[in-house]
Amino acid sequence: LERSRIFFRWAYPRIAEVCDQNGQAYPLLDDIGNLIEPW
């Protein structure tokens, strides 16, 4: 779980910052690190 959270913060820092500020879960990623749905 920690690895997944760090990966997302590194890959999408701006989205992660907004999610953290609003207490939201990070969007899901596919098997090659892309957002599954537009955010």
Full PDB file with SEQRES, HELIX, SHEET, SSBOND, CRYST1, ORIGX, SCALE, CONECT and MASTER records, all heavy atoms in Angstrom:
SEQRES   1 A   39  LEU GLU ARG SER ARG ILE PHE PHE ARG TRP ALA TYR PRO          
SEQRES   2 A   39  ARG ILE ALA GLU VAL CYS ASP GLN ASN GLY GLN ALA TYR          
SEQRES   3 A   39  PRO LEU LEU ASP ASP ILE GLY ASN LEU ILE GLU PRO TRP          
HELIX    1 AA1 GLU A    2  ALA A   11  1                                  10    
HELIX    2 AA2 PRO A   13  ASN A   22  1                                  10    
CRYST1    1.000    1.000    1.000  90.00  90.00  90.00 P 1           1          
ORIGX1      1.000000  0.000000  0.000000        0.00000                         
ORIGX2      0.000000  1.000000  0.000000        0.00000                         
ORIGX3      0.000000  0.000000  1.000000        0.00000                         
SCALE1      1.000000  0.000000  0.000000        0.00000                         
SCALE2      0.000000  1.000000  0.000000        0.00000                         
SCALE3      0.000000  0.000000  1.000000        0.00000                         
ATOM      1  N   LEU A   1       0.824  -1.203   0.000  1.00  0.00           N  
ATOM      2  CA  LEU A   1       0.000   0.000   0.000  1.00  0.00           C  
ATOM      3  C   LEU A   1       0.860   1.256   0.000  1.00  0.00           C  
ATOM      4  O   LEU A   1       0.589   2.214  -0.742  1.00  0.00           O  
ATOM      5  CB  LEU A   1      -0.933   0.005   1.210  1.00  0.00           C  
ATOM      6  CG  LEU A   1      -1.860   1.231   1.335  1.00  0.00           C  
ATOM      7  CD1 LEU A   1      -2.761   1.341   0.108  1.00  0.00           C  
ATOM      8  CD2 LEU A   1      -2.707   1.131   2.605  1.00  0.00           C  
ATOM      9  N   GLU A   2       1.912   1.267   0.819  1.00  0.00           N  
ATOM     10  CA  GLU A   2       2.801   2.423   0.881  1.00  0.00           C  
ATOM     11  C   GLU A   2       3.521   2.617  -0.446  1.00  0.00           C  
ATOM     12  O   GLU A   2       3.676   3.745  -0.933  1.00  0.00           O  
ATOM     13  CB  GLU A   2       3.811   2.261   2.016  1.00  0.00           C  
ATOM     14  CG  GLU A   2       4.813   3.394   2.159  1.00  0.00           C  
ATOM     15  CD  GLU A   2       4.170   4.731   2.540  1.00  0.00           C  
ATOM     16  OE1 GLU A   2       2.966   4.746   2.871  1.00  0.00           O  
ATOM     17  OE2 GLU A   2       4.870   5.744   2.498  1.00  0.00           O  
ATOM     18  N   ARG A   3       3.931   1.522  -1.052  1.00  0.00           N  
ATOM     19  CA  ARG A   3       4.606   1.606  -2.341  1.00  0.00           C  
ATOM     20  C   ARG A   3       3.682   2.230  -3.386  1.00  0.00           C  
ATOM     21  O   ARG A   3       4.098   3.079  -4.180  1.00  0.00           O  
ATOM     22  CB  ARG A   3       5.049   0.221  -2.793  1.00  0.00           C  
ATOM     23  CG  ARG A   3       5.913   0.220  -4.055  1.00  0.00           C  
ATOM     24  CD  ARG A   3       6.120  -1.193  -4.569  1.00  0.00           C  
ATOM     25  NE  ARG A   3       7.114  -1.237  -5.632  1.00  0.00           N  
ATOM     26  CZ  ARG A   3       6.881  -0.840  -6.887  1.00  0.00           C  
ATOM     27  NH1 ARG A   3       5.697  -0.353  -7.232  1.00  0.00           N  
ATOM     28  NH2 ARG A   3       7.847  -0.924  -7.804  1.00  0.00           N  
ATOM     29  N   SER A   4       2.434   1.811  -3.398  1.00  0.00           N  
ATOM     30  CA  SER A   4       1.473   2.329  -4.366  1.00  0.00           C  
ATOM     31  C   SER A   4       1.236   3.820  -4.166  1.00  0.00           C  
ATOM     32  O   SER A   4       1.142   4.587  -5.134  1.00  0.00           O  
ATOM     33  CB  SER A   4       0.143   1.572  -4.253  1.00  0.00           C  
ATOM     34  OG  SER A   4       0.314   0.206  -4.568  1.00  0.00           O  
ATOM     35  N   ARG A   5       1.150   4.247  -2.909  1.00  0.00           N  
ATOM     36  CA  ARG A   5       0.919   5.654  -2.610  1.00  0.00           C  
ATOM     37  C   ARG A   5       2.120   6.508  -3.031  1.00  0.00           C  
ATOM     38  O   ARG A   5       1.951   7.597  -3.595  1.00  0.00           O  
ATOM     39  CB  ARG A   5       0.621   5.853  -1.126  1.00  0.00           C  
ATOM     40  CG  ARG A   5      -0.750   5.356  -0.695  1.00  0.00           C  
ATOM     41  CD  ARG A   5      -1.036   5.719   0.759  1.00  0.00           C  
ATOM     42  NE  ARG A   5      -0.977   7.154   0.986  1.00  0.00           N  
ATOM     43  CZ  ARG A   5      -1.956   8.012   0.693  1.00  0.00           C  
ATOM     44  NH1 ARG A   5      -3.064   7.579   0.151  1.00  0.00           N  
ATOM     45  NH2 ARG A   5      -1.819   9.299   0.938  1.00  0.00           N  
ATOM     46  N   ILE A   6       3.314   6.014  -2.764  1.00  0.00           N  
ATOM     47  CA  ILE A   6       4.510   6.772  -3.154  1.00  0.00           C  
ATOM     48  C   ILE A   6       4.593   6.858  -4.677  1.00  0.00           C  
ATOM     49  O   ILE A   6       4.899   7.920  -5.239  1.00  0.00           O  
ATOM     50  CB  ILE A   6       5.778   6.132  -2.575  1.00  0.00           C  
ATOM     51  CG1 ILE A   6       5.767   6.192  -1.045  1.00  0.00           C  
ATOM     52  CG2 ILE A   6       7.025   6.836  -3.117  1.00  0.00           C  
ATOM     53  CD1 ILE A   6       6.877   5.395  -0.399  1.00  0.00           C  
ATOM     54  N   PHE A   7       4.328   5.735  -5.347  1.00  0.00           N  
ATOM     55  CA  PHE A   7       4.372   5.748  -6.812  1.00  0.00           C  
ATOM     56  C   PHE A   7       3.434   6.813  -7.366  1.00  0.00           C  
ATOM     57  O   PHE A   7       3.806   7.583  -8.259  1.00  0.00           O  
ATOM     58  CB  PHE A   7       3.985   4.381  -7.384  1.00  0.00           C  
ATOM     59  CG  PHE A   7       4.020   4.328  -8.887  1.00  0.00           C  
ATOM     60  CD1 PHE A   7       5.160   3.929  -9.555  1.00  0.00           C  
ATOM     61  CD2 PHE A   7       2.908   4.709  -9.636  1.00  0.00           C  
ATOM     62  CE1 PHE A   7       5.203   3.905 -10.944  1.00  0.00           C  
ATOM     63  CE2 PHE A   7       2.940   4.702 -11.024  1.00  0.00           C  
ATOM     64  CZ  PHE A   7       4.091   4.299 -11.681  1.00  0.00           C  
ATOM     65  N   PHE A   8       2.219   6.875  -6.833  1.00  0.00           N  
ATOM     66  CA  PHE A   8       1.256   7.848  -7.354  1.00  0.00           C  
ATOM     67  C   PHE A   8       1.744   9.269  -7.092  1.00  0.00           C  
ATOM     68  O   PHE A   8       1.645  10.139  -7.968  1.00  0.00           O  
ATOM     69  CB  PHE A   8      -0.128   7.647  -6.722  1.00  0.00           C  
ATOM     70  CG  PHE A   8      -1.199   8.443  -7.418  1.00  0.00           C  
ATOM     71  CD1 PHE A   8      -1.960   7.871  -8.425  1.00  0.00           C  
ATOM     72  CD2 PHE A   8      -1.418   9.777  -7.097  1.00  0.00           C  
ATOM     73  CE1 PHE A   8      -2.929   8.609  -9.101  1.00  0.00           C  
ATOM     74  CE2 PHE A   8      -2.381  10.526  -7.768  1.00  0.00           C  
ATOM     75  CZ  PHE A   8      -3.137   9.937  -8.773  1.00  0.00           C  
ATOM     76  N   ARG A   9       2.273   9.535  -5.890  1.00  0.00           N  
ATOM     77  CA  ARG A   9       2.760  10.877  -5.572  1.00  0.00           C  
ATOM     78  C   ARG A   9       3.891  11.286  -6.510  1.00  0.00           C  
ATOM     79  O   ARG A   9       3.991  12.446  -6.914  1.00  0.00           O  
ATOM     80  CB  ARG A   9       3.238  10.954  -4.114  1.00  0.00           C  
ATOM     81  CG  ARG A   9       2.142  10.813  -3.084  1.00  0.00           C  
ATOM     82  CD  ARG A   9       2.552  11.433  -1.755  1.00  0.00           C  
ATOM     83  NE  ARG A   9       3.826  10.959  -1.274  1.00  0.00           N  
ATOM     84  CZ  ARG A   9       3.999   9.933  -0.458  1.00  0.00           C  
ATOM     85  NH1 ARG A   9       2.943   9.237  -0.055  1.00  0.00           N  
ATOM     86  NH2 ARG A   9       5.201   9.582  -0.048  1.00  0.00           N  
ATOM     87  N   TRP A  10       4.753  10.336  -6.845  1.00  0.00           N  
ATOM     88  CA  TRP A  10       5.851  10.635  -7.758  1.00  0.00           C  
ATOM     89  C   TRP A  10       5.360  10.843  -9.188  1.00  0.00           C  
ATOM     90  O   TRP A  10       5.825  11.728  -9.895  1.00  0.00           O  
ATOM     91  CB  TRP A  10       6.875   9.503  -7.740  1.00  0.00           C  
ATOM     92  CG  TRP A  10       7.676   9.421  -6.483  1.00  0.00           C  
ATOM     93  CD1 TRP A  10       7.578  10.220  -5.376  1.00  0.00           C  
ATOM     94  CD2 TRP A  10       8.716   8.478  -6.214  1.00  0.00           C  
ATOM     95  NE1 TRP A  10       8.491   9.828  -4.428  1.00  0.00           N  
ATOM     96  CE2 TRP A  10       9.201   8.762  -4.905  1.00  0.00           C  
ATOM     97  CE3 TRP A  10       9.270   7.425  -6.917  1.00  0.00           C  
ATOM     98  CZ2 TRP A  10      10.226   8.021  -4.320  1.00  0.00           C  
ATOM     99  CZ3 TRP A  10      10.293   6.687  -6.335  1.00  0.00           C  
ATOM    100  CH2 TRP A  10      10.763   6.988  -5.047  1.00  0.00           C  
ATOM    101  N   ALA A  11       4.423  10.012  -9.615  1.00  0.00           N  
ATOM    102  CA  ALA A  11       3.954  10.051 -10.994  1.00  0.00           C  
ATOM    103  C   ALA A  11       3.015  11.219 -11.259  1.00  0.00           C  
ATOM    104  O   ALA A  11       3.054  11.835 -12.336  1.00  0.00           O  
ATOM    105  CB  ALA A  11       3.264   8.732 -11.347  1.00  0.00           C  
ATOM    106  N   TYR A  12       2.180  11.545 -10.269  1.00  0.00           N  
ATOM    107  CA  TYR A  12       1.171  12.590 -10.448  1.00  0.00           C  
ATOM    108  C   TYR A  12       1.153  13.509  -9.220  1.00  0.00           C  
ATOM    109  O   TYR A  12       0.190  13.524  -8.454  1.00  0.00           O  
ATOM    110  CB  TYR A  12      -0.205  11.961 -10.673  1.00  0.00           C  
ATOM    111  CG  TYR A  12      -0.247  11.027 -11.860  1.00  0.00           C  
ATOM    112  CD1 TYR A  12      -0.099   9.655 -11.690  1.00  0.00           C  
ATOM    113  CD2 TYR A  12      -0.409  11.527 -13.156  1.00  0.00           C  
ATOM    114  CE1 TYR A  12      -0.119   8.795 -12.787  1.00  0.00           C  
ATOM    115  CE2 TYR A  12      -0.425  10.671 -14.252  1.00  0.00           C  
ATOM    116  CZ  TYR A  12      -0.279   9.313 -14.057  1.00  0.00           C  
ATOM    117  OH  TYR A  12      -0.296   8.462 -15.149  1.00  0.00           O  
ATOM    118  N   PRO A  13       2.218  14.272  -9.010  1.00  0.00           N  
ATOM    119  CA  PRO A  13       2.345  15.069  -7.783  1.00  0.00           C  
ATOM    120  C   PRO A  13       1.238  16.097  -7.586  1.00  0.00           C  
ATOM    121  O   PRO A  13       0.780  16.311  -6.463  1.00  0.00           O  
ATOM    122  CB  PRO A  13       3.718  15.744  -7.937  1.00  0.00           C  
ATOM    123  CG  PRO A  13       4.012  15.696  -9.403  1.00  0.00           C  
ATOM    124  CD  PRO A  13       3.398  14.424  -9.894  1.00  0.00           C  
ATOM    125  N   ARG A  14       0.778  16.743  -8.639  1.00  0.00           N  
ATOM    126  CA  ARG A  14      -0.256  17.771  -8.486  1.00  0.00           C  
ATOM    127  C   ARG A  14      -1.594  17.146  -8.096  1.00  0.00           C  
ATOM    128  O   ARG A  14      -2.313  17.675  -7.246  1.00  0.00           O  
ATOM    129  CB  ARG A  14      -0.393  18.571  -9.779  1.00  0.00           C  
ATOM    130  CG  ARG A  14       0.846  19.410 -10.102  1.00  0.00           C  
ATOM    131  CD  ARG A  14       0.642  20.247 -11.347  1.00  0.00           C  
ATOM    132  NE  ARG A  14       1.828  21.041 -11.654  1.00  0.00           N  
ATOM    133  CZ  ARG A  14       1.942  21.832 -12.706  1.00  0.00           C  
ATOM    134  NH1 ARG A  14       0.923  21.949 -13.556  1.00  0.00           N  
ATOM    135  NH2 ARG A  14       3.056  22.521 -12.910  1.00  0.00           N  
ATOM    136  N   ILE A  15      -1.945  16.040  -8.723  1.00  0.00           N  
ATOM    137  CA  ILE A  15      -3.187  15.357  -8.372  1.00  0.00           C  
ATOM    138  C   ILE A  15      -3.113  14.837  -6.949  1.00  0.00           C  
ATOM    139  O   ILE A  15      -4.066  14.960  -6.164  1.00  0.00           O  
ATOM    140  CB  ILE A  15      -3.474  14.203  -9.359  1.00  0.00           C  
ATOM    141  CG1 ILE A  15      -3.694  14.744 -10.776  1.00  0.00           C  
ATOM    142  CG2 ILE A  15      -4.695  13.405  -8.905  1.00  0.00           C  
ATOM    143  CD1 ILE A  15      -3.909  13.665 -11.826  1.00  0.00           C  
ATOM    144  N   ALA A  16      -1.978  14.261  -6.583  1.00  0.00           N  
ATOM    145  CA  ALA A  16      -1.803  13.728  -5.227  1.00  0.00           C  
ATOM    146  C   ALA A  16      -1.948  14.836  -4.194  1.00  0.00           C  
ATOM    147  O   ALA A  16      -2.567  14.639  -3.138  1.00  0.00           O  
ATOM    148  CB  ALA A  16      -0.440  13.056  -5.101  1.00  0.00           C  
ATOM    149  N   GLU A  17      -1.396  16.017  -4.485  1.00  0.00           N  
ATOM    150  CA  GLU A  17      -1.486  17.136  -3.543  1.00  0.00           C  
ATOM    151  C   GLU A  17      -2.933  17.546  -3.307  1.00  0.00           C  
ATOM    152  O   GLU A  17      -3.355  17.767  -2.165  1.00  0.00           O  
ATOM    153  CB  GLU A  17      -0.683  18.319  -4.069  1.00  0.00           C  
ATOM    154  CG  GLU A  17      -0.670  19.520  -3.124  1.00  0.00           C  
ATOM    155  CD  GLU A  17       0.162  20.668  -3.660  1.00  0.00           C  
ATOM    156  OE1 GLU A  17       0.653  20.580  -4.803  1.00  0.00           O  
ATOM    157  OE2 GLU A  17       0.321  21.668  -2.927  1.00  0.00           O  
ATOM    158  N   VAL A  18      -3.703  17.625  -4.373  1.00  0.00           N  
ATOM    159  CA  VAL A  18      -5.111  17.990  -4.245  1.00  0.00           C  
ATOM    160  C   VAL A  18      -5.871  16.924  -3.469  1.00  0.00           C  
ATOM    161  O   VAL A  18      -6.684  17.235  -2.584  1.00  0.00           O  
ATOM    162  CB  VAL A  18      -5.742  18.210  -5.636  1.00  0.00           C  
ATOM    163  CG1 VAL A  18      -7.254  18.413  -5.504  1.00  0.00           C  
ATOM    164  CG2 VAL A  18      -5.114  19.407  -6.329  1.00  0.00           C  
ATOM    165  N   CYS A  19      -5.616  15.668  -3.780  1.00  0.00           N  
ATOM    166  CA  CYS A  19      -6.288  14.567  -3.072  1.00  0.00           C  
ATOM    167  C   CYS A  19      -5.953  14.590  -1.580  1.00  0.00           C  
ATOM    168  O   CYS A  19      -6.831  14.411  -0.731  1.00  0.00           O  
ATOM    169  CB  CYS A  19      -5.901  13.229  -3.680  1.00  0.00           C  
ATOM    170  SG  CYS A  19      -6.581  12.928  -5.331  1.00  0.00           S  
ATOM    171  N   ASP A  20      -4.702  14.823  -1.255  1.00  0.00           N  
ATOM    172  CA  ASP A  20      -4.286  14.869   0.152  1.00  0.00           C  
ATOM    173  C   ASP A  20      -4.958  16.029   0.879  1.00  0.00           C  
ATOM    174  O   ASP A  20      -5.398  15.889   2.031  1.00  0.00           O  
ATOM    175  CB  ASP A  20      -2.759  15.003   0.248  1.00  0.00           C  
ATOM    176  CG  ASP A  20      -2.031  13.740  -0.177  1.00  0.00           C  
ATOM    177  OD1 ASP A  20      -2.666  12.668  -0.213  1.00  0.00           O  
ATOM    178  OD2 ASP A  20      -0.823  13.836  -0.486  1.00  0.00           O  
ATOM    179  N   GLN A  21      -5.033  17.157   0.230  1.00  0.00           N  
ATOM    180  CA  GLN A  21      -5.646  18.332   0.852  1.00  0.00           C  
ATOM    181  C   GLN A  21      -7.134  18.113   1.127  1.00  0.00           C  
ATOM    182  O   GLN A  21      -7.677  18.649   2.098  1.00  0.00           O  
ATOM    183  CB  GLN A  21      -5.459  19.557  -0.042  1.00  0.00           C  
ATOM    184  CG  GLN A  21      -4.028  20.066  -0.103  1.00  0.00           C  
ATOM    185  CD  GLN A  21      -3.849  21.185  -1.114  1.00  0.00           C  
ATOM    186  OE1 GLN A  21      -4.743  21.454  -1.930  1.00  0.00           O  
ATOM    187  NE2 GLN A  21      -2.694  21.836  -1.080  1.00  0.00           N  
ATOM    188  N   ASN A  22      -7.791  17.318   0.280  1.00  0.00           N  
ATOM    189  CA  ASN A  22      -9.229  17.104   0.403  1.00  0.00           C  
ATOM    190  C   ASN A  22      -9.596  15.757   1.007  1.00  0.00           C  
ATOM    191  O   ASN A  22     -10.778  15.402   1.068  1.00  0.00           O  
ATOM    192  CB  ASN A  22      -9.885  17.238  -0.977  1.00  0.00           C  
ATOM    193  CG  ASN A  22      -9.827  18.656  -1.511  1.00  0.00           C  
ATOM    194  OD1 ASN A  22     -10.593  19.523  -1.094  1.00  0.00           O  
ATOM    195  ND2 ASN A  22      -8.902  18.903  -2.420  1.00  0.00           N  
ATOM    196  N   GLY A  23      -8.585  15.011   1.463  1.00  0.00           N  
ATOM    197  CA  GLY A  23      -8.854  13.719   2.072  1.00  0.00           C  
ATOM    198  C   GLY A  23      -9.435  12.710   1.105  1.00  0.00           C  
ATOM    199  O   GLY A  23     -10.207  11.821   1.505  1.00  0.00           O  
ATOM    200  N   GLN A  24      -9.086  12.819  -0.164  1.00  0.00           N  
ATOM    201  CA  GLN A  24      -9.612  11.917  -1.188  1.00  0.00           C  
ATOM    202  C   GLN A  24      -8.626  10.784  -1.477  1.00  0.00           C  
ATOM    203  O   GLN A  24      -7.415  10.945  -1.352  1.00  0.00           O  
ATOM    204  CB  GLN A  24      -9.864  12.687  -2.490  1.00  0.00           C  
ATOM    205  CG  GLN A  24     -10.917  13.773  -2.385  1.00  0.00           C  
ATOM    206  CD  GLN A  24     -11.013  14.573  -3.674  1.00  0.00           C  
ATOM    207  OE1 GLN A  24     -10.003  15.014  -4.228  1.00  0.00           O  
ATOM    208  NE2 GLN A  24     -12.228  14.742  -4.172  1.00  0.00           N  
ATOM    209  N   ALA A  25      -9.171   9.650  -1.891  1.00  0.00           N  
ATOM    210  CA  ALA A  25      -8.330   8.540  -2.331  1.00  0.00           C  
ATOM    211  C   ALA A  25      -7.709   8.889  -3.672  1.00  0.00           C  
ATOM    212  O   ALA A  25      -8.302   9.625  -4.476  1.00  0.00           O  
ATOM    213  CB  ALA A  25      -9.165   7.269  -2.448  1.00  0.00           C  
ATOM    214  N   TYR A  26      -6.520   8.387  -3.920  1.00  0.00           N  
ATOM    215  CA  TYR A  26      -5.887   8.624  -5.207  1.00  0.00           C  
ATOM    216  C   TYR A  26      -6.642   7.870  -6.306  1.00  0.00           C  
ATOM    217  O   TYR A  26      -7.141   6.769  -6.083  1.00  0.00           O  
ATOM    218  CB  TYR A  26      -4.433   8.146  -5.192  1.00  0.00           C  
ATOM    219  CG  TYR A  26      -3.520   8.926  -4.271  1.00  0.00           C  
ATOM    220  CD1 TYR A  26      -2.325   8.374  -3.822  1.00  0.00           C  
ATOM    221  CD2 TYR A  26      -3.838  10.221  -3.858  1.00  0.00           C  
ATOM    222  CE1 TYR A  26      -1.465   9.082  -2.986  1.00  0.00           C  
ATOM    223  CE2 TYR A  26      -2.994  10.937  -3.029  1.00  0.00           C  
ATOM    224  CZ  TYR A  26      -1.808  10.356  -2.590  1.00  0.00           C  
ATOM    225  OH  TYR A  26      -0.979  11.065  -1.765  1.00  0.00           O  
ATOM    226  N   PRO A  27      -6.732   8.442  -7.513  1.00  0.00           N  
ATOM    227  CA  PRO A  27      -7.358   7.738  -8.637  1.00  0.00           C  
ATOM    228  C   PRO A  27      -6.618   6.441  -8.951  1.00  0.00           C  
ATOM    229  O   PRO A  27      -5.421   6.295  -8.657  1.00  0.00           O  
ATOM    230  CB  PRO A  27      -7.229   8.736  -9.790  1.00  0.00           C  
ATOM    231  CG  PRO A  27      -7.111  10.069  -9.126  1.00  0.00           C  
ATOM    232  CD  PRO A  27      -6.326   9.808  -7.866  1.00  0.00           C  
ATOM    233  N   LEU A  28      -7.317   5.510  -9.555  1.00  0.00           N  
ATOM    234  CA  LEU A  28      -6.731   4.219  -9.897  1.00  0.00           C  
ATOM    235  C   LEU A  28      -5.846   4.338 -11.134  1.00  0.00           C  
ATOM    236  O   LEU A  28      -6.099   5.146 -12.035  1.00  0.00           O  
ATOM    237  CB  LEU A  28      -7.826   3.188 -10.142  1.00  0.00           C  
ATOM    238  CG  LEU A  28      -8.733   2.872  -8.947  1.00  0.00           C  
ATOM    239  CD1 LEU A  28      -9.837   1.901  -9.357  1.00  0.00           C  
ATOM    240  CD2 LEU A  28      -7.916   2.304  -7.788  1.00  0.00           C  
ATOM    241  N   LEU A  29      -4.808   3.502 -11.165  1.00  0.00           N  
ATOM    242  CA  LEU A  29      -3.891   3.444 -12.293  1.00  0.00           C  
ATOM    243  C   LEU A  29      -3.976   2.079 -12.955  1.00  0.00           C  
ATOM    244  O   LEU A  29      -4.285   1.069 -12.308  1.00  0.00           O  
ATOM    245  CB  LEU A  29      -2.457   3.702 -11.835  1.00  0.00           C  
ATOM    246  CG  LEU A  29      -2.177   5.015 -11.092  1.00  0.00           C  
ATOM    247  CD1 LEU A  29      -0.713   5.081 -10.688  1.00  0.00           C  
ATOM    248  CD2 LEU A  29      -2.542   6.213 -11.953  1.00  0.00           C  
ATOM    249  N   ASP A  30      -3.637   2.047 -14.234  1.00  0.00           N  
ATOM    250  CA  ASP A  30      -3.605   0.759 -14.917  1.00  0.00           C  
ATOM    251  C   ASP A  30      -2.243   0.100 -14.731  1.00  0.00           C  
ATOM    252  O   ASP A  30      -1.393   0.599 -13.972  1.00  0.00           O  
ATOM    253  CB  ASP A  30      -3.969   0.906 -16.398  1.00  0.00           C  
ATOM    254  CG  ASP A  30      -2.989   1.795 -17.162  1.00  0.00           C  
ATOM    255  OD1 ASP A  30      -1.844   1.977 -16.698  1.00  0.00           O  
ATOM    256  OD2 ASP A  30      -3.365   2.305 -18.230  1.00  0.00           O  
ATOM    257  N   ASP A  31      -1.998  -0.985 -15.427  1.00  0.00           N  
ATOM    258  CA  ASP A  31      -0.777  -1.777 -15.219  1.00  0.00           C  
ATOM    259  C   ASP A  31       0.482  -1.099 -15.742  1.00  0.00           C  
ATOM    260  O   ASP A  31       1.592  -1.577 -15.480  1.00  0.00           O  
ATOM    261  CB  ASP A  31      -0.925  -3.149 -15.893  1.00  0.00           C  
ATOM    262  CG  ASP A  31      -1.949  -4.022 -15.194  1.00  0.00           C  
ATOM    263  OD1 ASP A  31      -2.245  -3.755 -14.009  1.00  0.00           O  
ATOM    264  OD2 ASP A  31      -2.451  -4.969 -15.829  1.00  0.00           O  
ATOM    265  N   ILE A  32       0.331   0.002 -16.465  1.00  0.00           N  
ATOM    266  CA  ILE A  32       1.524   0.714 -16.943  1.00  0.00           C  
ATOM    267  C   ILE A  32       1.581   2.137 -16.400  1.00  0.00           C  
ATOM    268  O   ILE A  32       2.274   2.996 -16.941  1.00  0.00           O  
ATOM    269  CB  ILE A  32       1.597   0.710 -18.487  1.00  0.00           C  
ATOM    270  CG1 ILE A  32       0.308   1.286 -19.092  1.00  0.00           C  
ATOM    271  CG2 ILE A  32       1.859  -0.693 -19.009  1.00  0.00           C  
ATOM    272  CD1 ILE A  32       0.389   1.444 -20.616  1.00  0.00           C  
ATOM    273  N   GLY A  33       0.828   2.361 -15.306  1.00  0.00           N  
ATOM    274  CA  GLY A  33       0.950   3.619 -14.587  1.00  0.00           C  
ATOM    275  C   GLY A  33       0.121   4.773 -15.105  1.00  0.00           C  
ATOM    276  O   GLY A  33       0.308   5.914 -14.645  1.00  0.00           O  
ATOM    277  N   ASN A  34      -0.805   4.534 -16.013  1.00  0.00           N  
ATOM    278  CA  ASN A  34      -1.657   5.603 -16.514  1.00  0.00           C  
ATOM    279  C   ASN A  34      -2.960   5.658 -15.732  1.00  0.00           C  
ATOM    280  O   ASN A  34      -3.438   4.647 -15.208  1.00  0.00           O  
ATOM    281  CB  ASN A  34      -1.977   5.389 -17.997  1.00  0.00           C  
ATOM    282  CG  ASN A  34      -0.749   5.558 -18.867  1.00  0.00           C  
ATOM    283  OD1 ASN A  34       0.009   6.517 -18.730  1.00  0.00           O  
ATOM    284  ND2 ASN A  34      -0.529   4.609 -19.771  1.00  0.00           N  
ATOM    285  N   LEU A  35      -3.547   6.864 -15.658  1.00  0.00           N  
ATOM    286  CA  LEU A  35      -4.852   7.008 -15.011  1.00  0.00           C  
ATOM    287  C   LEU A  35      -5.894   6.204 -15.773  1.00  0.00           C  
ATOM    288  O   LEU A  35      -5.973   6.291 -17.011  1.00  0.00           O  
ATOM    289  CB  LEU A  35      -5.269   8.479 -14.980  1.00  0.00           C  
ATOM    290  CG  LEU A  35      -4.403   9.418 -14.110  1.00  0.00           C  
ATOM    291  CD1 LEU A  35      -4.759  10.861 -14.410  1.00  0.00           C  
ATOM    292  CD2 LEU A  35      -4.613   9.112 -12.634  1.00  0.00           C  
ATOM    293  N   ILE A  36      -6.670   5.409 -15.044  1.00  0.00           N  
ATOM    294  CA  ILE A  36      -7.700   4.606 -15.705  1.00  0.00           C  
ATOM    295  C   ILE A  36      -8.800   5.484 -16.279  1.00  0.00           C  
ATOM    296  O   ILE A  36      -9.314   5.250 -17.384  1.00  0.00           O  
ATOM    297  CB  ILE A  36      -8.290   3.568 -14.724  1.00  0.00           C  
ATOM    298  CG1 ILE A  36      -7.213   2.520 -14.393  1.00  0.00           C  
ATOM    299  CG2 ILE A  36      -9.532   2.898 -15.297  1.00  0.00           C  
ATOM    300  CD1 ILE A  36      -7.659   1.472 -13.409  1.00  0.00           C  
ATOM    301  N   GLU A  37      -9.156   6.553 -15.568  1.00  0.00           N  
ATOM    302  CA  GLU A  37     -10.158   7.492 -16.045  1.00  0.00           C  
ATOM    303  C   GLU A  37      -9.597   8.903 -15.975  1.00  0.00           C  
ATOM    304  O   GLU A  37      -8.781   9.205 -15.081  1.00  0.00           O  
ATOM    305  CB  GLU A  37     -11.435   7.398 -15.190  1.00  0.00           C  
ATOM    306  CG  GLU A  37     -12.129   6.046 -15.271  1.00  0.00           C  
ATOM    307  CD  GLU A  37     -13.379   6.012 -14.410  1.00  0.00           C  
ATOM    308  OE1 GLU A  37     -13.671   7.022 -13.741  1.00  0.00           O  
ATOM    309  OE2 GLU A  37     -14.062   4.978 -14.405  1.00  0.00           O  
ATOM    310  N   PRO A  38     -10.005   9.788 -16.884  1.00  0.00           N  
ATOM    311  CA  PRO A  38      -9.550  11.183 -16.806  1.00  0.00           C  
ATOM    312  C   PRO A  38      -9.906  11.777 -15.450  1.00  0.00           C  
ATOM    313  O   PRO A  38     -10.978  11.515 -14.901  1.00  0.00           O  
ATOM    314  CB  PRO A  38     -10.323  11.853 -17.943  1.00  0.00           C  
ATOM    315  CG  PRO A  38     -10.661  10.748 -18.887  1.00  0.00           C  
ATOM    316  CD  PRO A  38     -10.896   9.543 -18.025  1.00  0.00           C  
ATOM    317  N   TRP A  39      -8.994  12.585 -14.894  1.00  0.00           N  
ATOM    318  CA  TRP A  39      -9.219  13.146 -13.549  1.00  0.00           C  
ATOM    319  C   TRP A  39      -9.400  14.641 -13.643  1.00  0.00           C  
ATOM    320  O   TRP A  39      -8.618  15.347 -14.292  1.00  0.00           O  
ATOM    321  CB  TRP A  39      -8.032  12.836 -12.647  1.00  0.00           C  
ATOM    322  CG  TRP A  39      -8.244  13.289 -11.218  1.00  0.00           C  
ATOM    323  CD1 TRP A  39      -8.820  12.586 -10.223  1.00  0.00           C  
ATOM    324  CD2 TRP A  39      -7.847  14.538 -10.659  1.00  0.00           C  
ATOM    325  NE1 TRP A  39      -8.827  13.311  -9.055  1.00  0.00           N  
ATOM    326  CE2 TRP A  39      -8.245  14.520  -9.282  1.00  0.00           C  
ATOM    327  CE3 TRP A  39      -7.216  15.684 -11.171  1.00  0.00           C  
ATOM    328  CZ2 TRP A  39      -8.013  15.596  -8.441  1.00  0.00           C  
ATOM    329  CZ3 TRP A  39      -7.001  16.758 -10.294  1.00  0.00           C  
ATOM    330  CH2 TRP A  39      -7.396  16.692  -8.943  1.00  0.00           C  
TER     331      TRP A  39                                                      
MASTER        0    0    0    2    0    0    0    6  330    1    0    3          
END                                                                             
